[in-house]
Amino acid sequence: LDYGRKIADGTFAEVSSDVRVIEAYLGKGAVKAG
């Protein structure tokens, strides 16, 4: 969840590698840097 909305649903591997989830935790800058 992020800001009350569901942004990902799946296995741990799928969700932990989802770009939207990474952005929610680390910010868009972290995704671009990666």
All heavy atoms as atom14 arrays in JSON, in Angstrom:
{
  "sequence": "LDYGRKIADGTFAEVSSDVRVIEAYLGKGAVKAG",
  "atom14_mask": [
    [1, 1, 1, 1, 1, 1, 1, 1, 0, 0, 0, 0, 0, 0],
    [1, 1, 1, 1, 1, 1, 1, 1, 0, 0, 0, 0, 0, 0],
    [1, 1, 1, 1, 1, 1, 1, 1, 1, 1, 1, 1, 0, 0],
    [1, 1, 1, 1, 0, 0, 0, 0, 0, 0, 0, 0, 0, 0],
    [1, 1, 1, 1, 1, 1, 1, 1, 1, 1, 1, 0, 0, 0],
    [1, 1, 1, 1, 1, 1, 1, 1, 1, 0, 0, 0, 0, 0],
    [1, 1, 1, 1, 1, 1, 1, 1, 0, 0, 0, 0, 0, 0],
    [1, 1, 1, 1, 1, 0, 0, 0, 0, 0, 0, 0, 0, 0],
    [1, 1, 1, 1, 1, 1, 1, 1, 0, 0, 0, 0, 0, 0],
    [1, 1, 1, 1, 0, 0, 0, 0, 0, 0, 0, 0, 0, 0],
    [1, 1, 1, 1, 1, 1, 1, 0, 0, 0, 0, 0, 0, 0],
    [1, 1, 1, 1, 1, 1, 1, 1, 1, 1, 1, 0, 0, 0],
    [1, 1, 1, 1, 1, 0, 0, 0, 0, 0, 0, 0, 0, 0],
    [1, 1, 1, 1, 1, 1, 1, 1, 1, 0, 0, 0, 0, 0],
    [1, 1, 1, 1, 1, 1, 1, 0, 0, 0, 0, 0, 0, 0],
    [1, 1, 1, 1, 1, 1, 0, 0, 0, 0, 0, 0, 0, 0],
    [1, 1, 1, 1, 1, 1, 0, 0, 0, 0, 0, 0, 0, 0],
    [1, 1, 1, 1, 1, 1, 1, 1, 0, 0, 0, 0, 0, 0],
    [1, 1, 1, 1, 1, 1, 1, 0, 0, 0, 0, 0, 0, 0],
    [1, 1, 1, 1, 1, 1, 1, 1, 1, 1, 1, 0, 0, 0],
    [1, 1, 1, 1, 1, 1, 1, 0, 0, 0, 0, 0, 0, 0],
    [1, 1, 1, 1, 1, 1, 1, 1, 0, 0, 0, 0, 0, 0],
    [1, 1, 1, 1, 1, 1, 1, 1, 1, 0, 0, 0, 0, 0],
    [1, 1, 1, 1, 1, 0, 0, 0, 0, 0, 0, 0, 0, 0],
    [1, 1, 1, 1, 1, 1, 1, 1, 1, 1, 1, 1, 0, 0],
    [1, 1, 1, 1, 1, 1, 1, 1, 0, 0, 0, 0, 0, 0],
    [1, 1, 1, 1, 0, 0, 0, 0, 0, 0, 0, 0, 0, 0],
    [1, 1, 1, 1, 1, 1, 1, 1, 1, 0, 0, 0, 0, 0],
    [1, 1, 1, 1, 0, 0, 0, 0, 0, 0, 0, 0, 0, 0],
    [1, 1, 1, 1, 1, 0, 0, 0, 0, 0, 0, 0, 0, 0],
    [1, 1, 1, 1, 1, 1, 1, 0, 0, 0, 0, 0, 0, 0],
    [1, 1, 1, 1, 1, 1, 1, 1, 1, 0, 0, 0, 0, 0],
    [1, 1, 1, 1, 1, 0, 0, 0, 0, 0, 0, 0, 0, 0],
    [1, 1, 1, 1, 0, 0, 0, 0, 0, 0, 0, 0, 0, 0]
  ],
  "atom14_positions": [
    [[0.84, -1.19, 0.0], [0.0, 0.0, 0.0], [0.88, 1.24, 0.0], [1.98, 1.23, 0.55], [-0.92, 0.03, 1.24], [-1.91, -1.11, 1.46], [-2.71, -0.84, 2.73], [-2.84, -1.28, 0.26], [0.0, 0.0, 0.0], [0.0, 0.0, 0.0], [0.0, 0.0, 0.0], [0.0, 0.0, 0.0], [0.0, 0.0, 0.0], [0.0, 0.0, 0.0]],
    [[0.37, 2.3, -0.58], [1.03, 3.61, -0.51], [-0.05, 4.67, -0.63], [-0.87, 4.63, -1.55], [2.06, 3.76, -1.63], [2.94, 4.99, -1.43], [3.19, 5.35, -0.26], [3.36, 5.59, -2.44], [0.0, 0.0, 0.0], [0.0, 0.0, 0.0], [0.0, 0.0, 0.0], [0.0, 0.0, 0.0], [0.0, 0.0, 0.0], [0.0, 0.0, 0.0]],
    [[-0.06, 5.61, 0.31], [-1.09, 6.66, 0.35], [-2.49, 6.07, 0.24], [-3.37, 6.62, -0.42], [-0.86, 7.68, -0.77], [0.39, 8.5, -0.59], [1.5, 8.3, -1.4], [0.47, 9.48, 0.41], [2.66, 9.04, -1.23], [1.61, 10.23, 0.59], [2.72, 10.01, -0.24], [3.86, 10.76, -0.06], [0.0, 0.0, 0.0], [0.0, 0.0, 0.0]],
    [[-2.7, 4.95, 0.93], [-4.01, 4.35, 0.99], [-4.42, 3.52, -0.2], [-5.5, 2.92, -0.2], [0.0, 0.0, 0.0], [0.0, 0.0, 0.0], [0.0, 0.0, 0.0], [0.0, 0.0, 0.0], [0.0, 0.0, 0.0], [0.0, 0.0, 0.0], [0.0, 0.0, 0.0], [0.0, 0.0, 0.0], [0.0, 0.0, 0.0], [0.0, 0.0, 0.0]],
    [[-3.57, 3.43, -1.2], [-3.91, 2.67, -2.41], [-3.05, 1.42, -2.53], [-1.89, 1.42, -2.13], [-3.7, 3.53, -3.66], [-4.63, 4.73, -3.72], [-4.41, 5.52, -5.0], [-5.31, 6.67, -5.09], [-5.31, 7.53, -6.1], [-4.46, 7.37, -7.11], [-6.16, 8.53, -6.1], [0.0, 0.0, 0.0], [0.0, 0.0, 0.0], [0.0, 0.0, 0.0]],
    [[-3.63, 0.37, -3.1], [-2.86, -0.84, -3.36], [-2.03, -0.62, -4.62], [-2.57, -0.32, -5.68], [-3.78, -2.05, -3.54], [-3.02, -3.36, -3.69], [-3.93, -4.56, -3.63], [-4.73, -4.73, -4.91], [-5.45, -6.02, -4.93], [0.0, 0.0, 0.0], [0.0, 0.0, 0.0], [0.0, 0.0, 0.0], [0.0, 0.0, 0.0], [0.0, 0.0, 0.0]],
    [[-0.71, -0.78, -4.49], [0.16, -0.54, -5.64], [0.82, -1.81, -6.16], [1.41, -1.79, -7.24], [1.25, 0.5, -5.3], [2.11, 0.03, -4.11], [0.62, 1.86, -5.02], [3.31, 0.93, -3.84], [0.0, 0.0, 0.0], [0.0, 0.0, 0.0], [0.0, 0.0, 0.0], [0.0, 0.0, 0.0], [0.0, 0.0, 0.0], [0.0, 0.0, 0.0]],
    [[0.75, -2.91, -5.4], [1.35, -4.15, -5.87], [0.71, -5.32, -5.12], [0.29, -5.19, -3.98], [2.86, -4.16, -5.65], [0.0, 0.0, 0.0], [0.0, 0.0, 0.0], [0.0, 0.0, 0.0], [0.0, 0.0, 0.0], [0.0, 0.0, 0.0], [0.0, 0.0, 0.0], [0.0, 0.0, 0.0], [0.0, 0.0, 0.0], [0.0, 0.0, 0.0]],
    [[0.67, -6.49, -5.79], [0.06, -7.7, -5.22], [0.72, -8.89, -5.9], [0.64, -9.04, -7.12], [-1.44, -7.68, -5.47], [-2.18, -8.83, -4.77], [-1.54, -9.84, -4.45], [-3.4, -8.72, -4.58], [0.0, 0.0, 0.0], [0.0, 0.0, 0.0], [0.0, 0.0, 0.0], [0.0, 0.0, 0.0], [0.0, 0.0, 0.0], [0.0, 0.0, 0.0]],
    [[1.41, -9.74, -5.13], [2.06, -10.9, -5.73], [2.97, -11.59, -4.75], [2.82, -11.44, -3.53], [0.0, 0.0, 0.0], [0.0, 0.0, 0.0], [0.0, 0.0, 0.0], [0.0, 0.0, 0.0], [0.0, 0.0, 0.0], [0.0, 0.0, 0.0], [0.0, 0.0, 0.0], [0.0, 0.0, 0.0], [0.0, 0.0, 0.0], [0.0, 0.0, 0.0]],
    [[3.9, -12.36, -5.24], [4.87, -13.02, -4.37], [5.83, -11.98, -3.79], [5.89, -10.83, -4.26], [5.69, -14.06, -5.15], [6.48, -13.38, -6.15], [4.78, -15.08, -5.83], [0.0, 0.0, 0.0], [0.0, 0.0, 0.0], [0.0, 0.0, 0.0], [0.0, 0.0, 0.0], [0.0, 0.0, 0.0], [0.0, 0.0, 0.0], [0.0, 0.0, 0.0]],
    [[6.6, -12.4, -2.79], [7.57, -11.47, -2.2], [8.55, -10.98, -3.26], [8.86, -9.79, -3.32], [8.33, -12.15, -1.06], [9.42, -11.28, -0.48], [9.11, -10.31, 0.46], [10.74, -11.43, -0.89], [10.1, -9.49, 0.99], [11.74, -10.62, -0.36], [11.42, -9.65, 0.58], [0.0, 0.0, 0.0], [0.0, 0.0, 0.0], [0.0, 0.0, 0.0]],
    [[9.04, -11.89, -4.1], [10.01, -11.5, -5.13], [9.41, -10.49, -6.1], [10.06, -9.51, -6.48], [10.49, -12.74, -5.88], [0.0, 0.0, 0.0], [0.0, 0.0, 0.0], [0.0, 0.0, 0.0], [0.0, 0.0, 0.0], [0.0, 0.0, 0.0], [0.0, 0.0, 0.0], [0.0, 0.0, 0.0], [0.0, 0.0, 0.0], [0.0, 0.0, 0.0]],
    [[8.15, -10.73, -6.48], [7.49, -9.83, -7.43], [7.28, -8.44, -6.83], [7.56, -7.42, -7.46], [6.15, -10.42, -7.87], [6.28, -11.66, -8.75], [4.96, -12.39, -8.91], [4.03, -12.15, -8.1], [4.86, -13.22, -9.84], [0.0, 0.0, 0.0], [0.0, 0.0, 0.0], [0.0, 0.0, 0.0], [0.0, 0.0, 0.0], [0.0, 0.0, 0.0]],
    [[6.78, -8.41, -5.6], [6.45, -7.12, -4.97], [7.7, -6.36, -4.59], [7.79, -5.14, -4.78], [5.53, -7.34, -3.76], [5.33, -6.04, -2.99], [4.18, -7.89, -4.21], [0.0, 0.0, 0.0], [0.0, 0.0, 0.0], [0.0, 0.0, 0.0], [0.0, 0.0, 0.0], [0.0, 0.0, 0.0], [0.0, 0.0, 0.0], [0.0, 0.0, 0.0]],
    [[8.7, -7.04, -4.07], [9.91, -6.35, -3.62], [10.71, -5.77, -4.78], [11.51, -4.85, -4.57], [10.81, -7.3, -2.82], [11.24, -8.4, -3.61], [0.0, 0.0, 0.0], [0.0, 0.0, 0.0], [0.0, 0.0, 0.0], [0.0, 0.0, 0.0], [0.0, 0.0, 0.0], [0.0, 0.0, 0.0], [0.0, 0.0, 0.0], [0.0, 0.0, 0.0]],
    [[10.49, -6.27, -5.99], [11.19, -5.73, -7.15], [10.33, -4.79, -7.98], [10.78, -4.28, -9.01], [11.69, -6.88, -8.04], [10.6, -7.65, -8.52], [0.0, 0.0, 0.0], [0.0, 0.0, 0.0], [0.0, 0.0, 0.0], [0.0, 0.0, 0.0], [0.0, 0.0, 0.0], [0.0, 0.0, 0.0], [0.0, 0.0, 0.0], [0.0, 0.0, 0.0]],
    [[9.1, -4.56, -7.53], [8.19, -3.68, -8.26], [8.67, -2.23, -8.15], [8.93, -1.74, -7.05], [6.77, -3.82, -7.7], [5.72, -3.13, -8.55], [5.75, -1.89, -8.65], [4.86, -3.83, -9.11], [0.0, 0.0, 0.0], [0.0, 0.0, 0.0], [0.0, 0.0, 0.0], [0.0, 0.0, 0.0], [0.0, 0.0, 0.0], [0.0, 0.0, 0.0]],
    [[8.75, -1.55, -9.27], [9.25, -0.17, -9.28], [8.42, 0.74, -8.4], [8.95, 1.61, -7.7], [9.28, 0.37, -10.74], [9.6, 1.86, -10.74], [10.3, -0.39, -11.56], [0.0, 0.0, 0.0], [0.0, 0.0, 0.0], [0.0, 0.0, 0.0], [0.0, 0.0, 0.0], [0.0, 0.0, 0.0], [0.0, 0.0, 0.0], [0.0, 0.0, 0.0]],
    [[7.09, 0.53, -8.39], [6.22, 1.39, -7.57], [6.49, 1.2, -6.08], [6.41, 2.15, -5.29], [4.76, 1.1, -7.89], [4.32, 1.49, -9.3], [2.97, 0.89, -9.63], [3.03, -0.58, -9.6], [1.97, -1.36, -9.82], [0.78, -0.82, -10.06], [2.09, -2.67, -9.79], [0.0, 0.0, 0.0], [0.0, 0.0, 0.0], [0.0, 0.0, 0.0]],
    [[6.8, -0.01, -5.7], [7.1, -0.29, -4.29], [8.44, 0.33, -3.91], [8.57, 0.95, -2.84], [7.11, -1.81, -4.03], [7.52, -2.11, -2.58], [5.74, -2.4, -4.31], [0.0, 0.0, 0.0], [0.0, 0.0, 0.0], [0.0, 0.0, 0.0], [0.0, 0.0, 0.0], [0.0, 0.0, 0.0], [0.0, 0.0, 0.0], [0.0, 0.0, 0.0]],
    [[9.43, 0.2, -4.77], [10.75, 0.8, -4.5], [10.62, 2.32, -4.4], [11.21, 2.95, -3.52], [11.74, 0.41, -5.61], [11.95, -1.11, -5.6], [13.07, 1.13, -5.42], [12.73, -1.63, -6.78], [0.0, 0.0, 0.0], [0.0, 0.0, 0.0], [0.0, 0.0, 0.0], [0.0, 0.0, 0.0], [0.0, 0.0, 0.0], [0.0, 0.0, 0.0]],
    [[9.83, 2.92, -5.27], [9.6, 4.37, -5.21], [8.93, 4.76, -3.9], [9.27, 5.79, -3.3], [8.75, 4.82, -6.39], [9.46, 4.82, -7.73], [8.54, 5.31, -8.85], [7.32, 5.45, -8.61], [9.05, 5.53, -9.96], [0.0, 0.0, 0.0], [0.0, 0.0, 0.0], [0.0, 0.0, 0.0], [0.0, 0.0, 0.0], [0.0, 0.0, 0.0]],
    [[7.96, 3.96, -3.46], [7.23, 4.28, -2.23], [8.15, 4.32, -1.02], [8.02, 5.17, -0.13], [6.11, 3.26, -2.0], [0.0, 0.0, 0.0], [0.0, 0.0, 0.0], [0.0, 0.0, 0.0], [0.0, 0.0, 0.0], [0.0, 0.0, 0.0], [0.0, 0.0, 0.0], [0.0, 0.0, 0.0], [0.0, 0.0, 0.0], [0.0, 0.0, 0.0]],
    [[9.14, 3.41, -0.99], [10.04, 3.32, 0.15], [11.23, 4.27, 0.01], [11.69, 4.86, 0.99], [10.57, 1.89, 0.3], [9.64, 0.98, 1.07], [8.81, 0.08, 0.41], [9.59, 1.01, 2.46], [7.96, -0.76, 1.11], [8.75, 0.17, 3.18], [7.94, -0.72, 2.49], [7.09, -1.54, 3.2], [0.0, 0.0, 0.0], [0.0, 0.0, 0.0]],
    [[11.76, 4.39, -1.19], [13.03, 5.1, -1.37], [12.93, 6.38, -2.18], [13.87, 7.18, -2.2], [14.06, 4.17, -2.06], [14.36, 2.86, -1.33], [15.32, 2.02, -2.15], [14.93, 3.12, 0.06], [0.0, 0.0, 0.0], [0.0, 0.0, 0.0], [0.0, 0.0, 0.0], [0.0, 0.0, 0.0], [0.0, 0.0, 0.0], [0.0, 0.0, 0.0]],
    [[11.8, 6.6, -2.86], [11.64, 7.8, -3.68], [12.03, 7.54, -5.13], [12.78, 6.61, -5.45], [0.0, 0.0, 0.0], [0.0, 0.0, 0.0], [0.0, 0.0, 0.0], [0.0, 0.0, 0.0], [0.0, 0.0, 0.0], [0.0, 0.0, 0.0], [0.0, 0.0, 0.0], [0.0, 0.0, 0.0], [0.0, 0.0, 0.0], [0.0, 0.0, 0.0]],
    [[11.52, 8.36, -6.02], [11.78, 8.19, -7.46], [13.25, 8.34, -7.79], [13.77, 7.73, -8.7], [10.94, 9.18, -8.26], [9.43, 8.91, -8.2], [8.66, 9.85, -9.08], [7.16, 9.53, -9.03], [6.37, 10.44, -9.91], [0.0, 0.0, 0.0], [0.0, 0.0, 0.0], [0.0, 0.0, 0.0], [0.0, 0.0, 0.0], [0.0, 0.0, 0.0]],
    [[13.94, 9.21, -7.04], [15.36, 9.43, -7.32], [16.16, 8.16, -7.16], [17.1, 7.9, -7.93], [0.0, 0.0, 0.0], [0.0, 0.0, 0.0], [0.0, 0.0, 0.0], [0.0, 0.0, 0.0], [0.0, 0.0, 0.0], [0.0, 0.0, 0.0], [0.0, 0.0, 0.0], [0.0, 0.0, 0.0], [0.0, 0.0, 0.0], [0.0, 0.0, 0.0]],
    [[15.79, 7.33, -6.16], [16.51, 6.09, -5.94], [16.31, 5.12, -7.11], [17.22, 4.4, -7.5], [16.05, 5.44, -4.65], [0.0, 0.0, 0.0], [0.0, 0.0, 0.0], [0.0, 0.0, 0.0], [0.0, 0.0, 0.0], [0.0, 0.0, 0.0], [0.0, 0.0, 0.0], [0.0, 0.0, 0.0], [0.0, 0.0, 0.0], [0.0, 0.0, 0.0]],
    [[15.09, 5.12, -7.67], [14.8, 4.25, -8.81], [15.63, 4.67, -10.03], [16.24, 3.87, -10.72], [13.29, 4.24, -9.14], [13.04, 3.41, -10.4], [12.5, 3.7, -7.97], [0.0, 0.0, 0.0], [0.0, 0.0, 0.0], [0.0, 0.0, 0.0], [0.0, 0.0, 0.0], [0.0, 0.0, 0.0], [0.0, 0.0, 0.0], [0.0, 0.0, 0.0]],
    [[15.68, 6.0, -10.28], [16.44, 6.49, -11.43], [17.93, 6.21, -11.25], [18.63, 5.88, -12.2], [16.2, 8.0, -11.59], [14.78, 8.35, -12.01], [14.59, 9.85, -12.1], [13.16, 10.2, -12.5], [12.94, 11.67, -12.55], [0.0, 0.0, 0.0], [0.0, 0.0, 0.0], [0.0, 0.0, 0.0], [0.0, 0.0, 0.0], [0.0, 0.0, 0.0]],
    [[18.4, 6.37, -9.99], [19.81, 6.13, -9.74], [20.18, 4.66, -9.95], [21.29, 4.34, -10.36], [20.16, 6.54, -8.3], [0.0, 0.0, 0.0], [0.0, 0.0, 0.0], [0.0, 0.0, 0.0], [0.0, 0.0, 0.0], [0.0, 0.0, 0.0], [0.0, 0.0, 0.0], [0.0, 0.0, 0.0], [0.0, 0.0, 0.0], [0.0, 0.0, 0.0]],
    [[19.17, 3.77, -9.64], [19.44, 2.36, -9.83], [19.48, 1.98, -11.28], [20.02, 0.95, -11.65], [0.0, 0.0, 0.0], [0.0, 0.0, 0.0], [0.0, 0.0, 0.0], [0.0, 0.0, 0.0], [0.0, 0.0, 0.0], [0.0, 0.0, 0.0], [0.0, 0.0, 0.0], [0.0, 0.0, 0.0], [0.0, 0.0, 0.0], [0.0, 0.0, 0.0]]
  ]
}
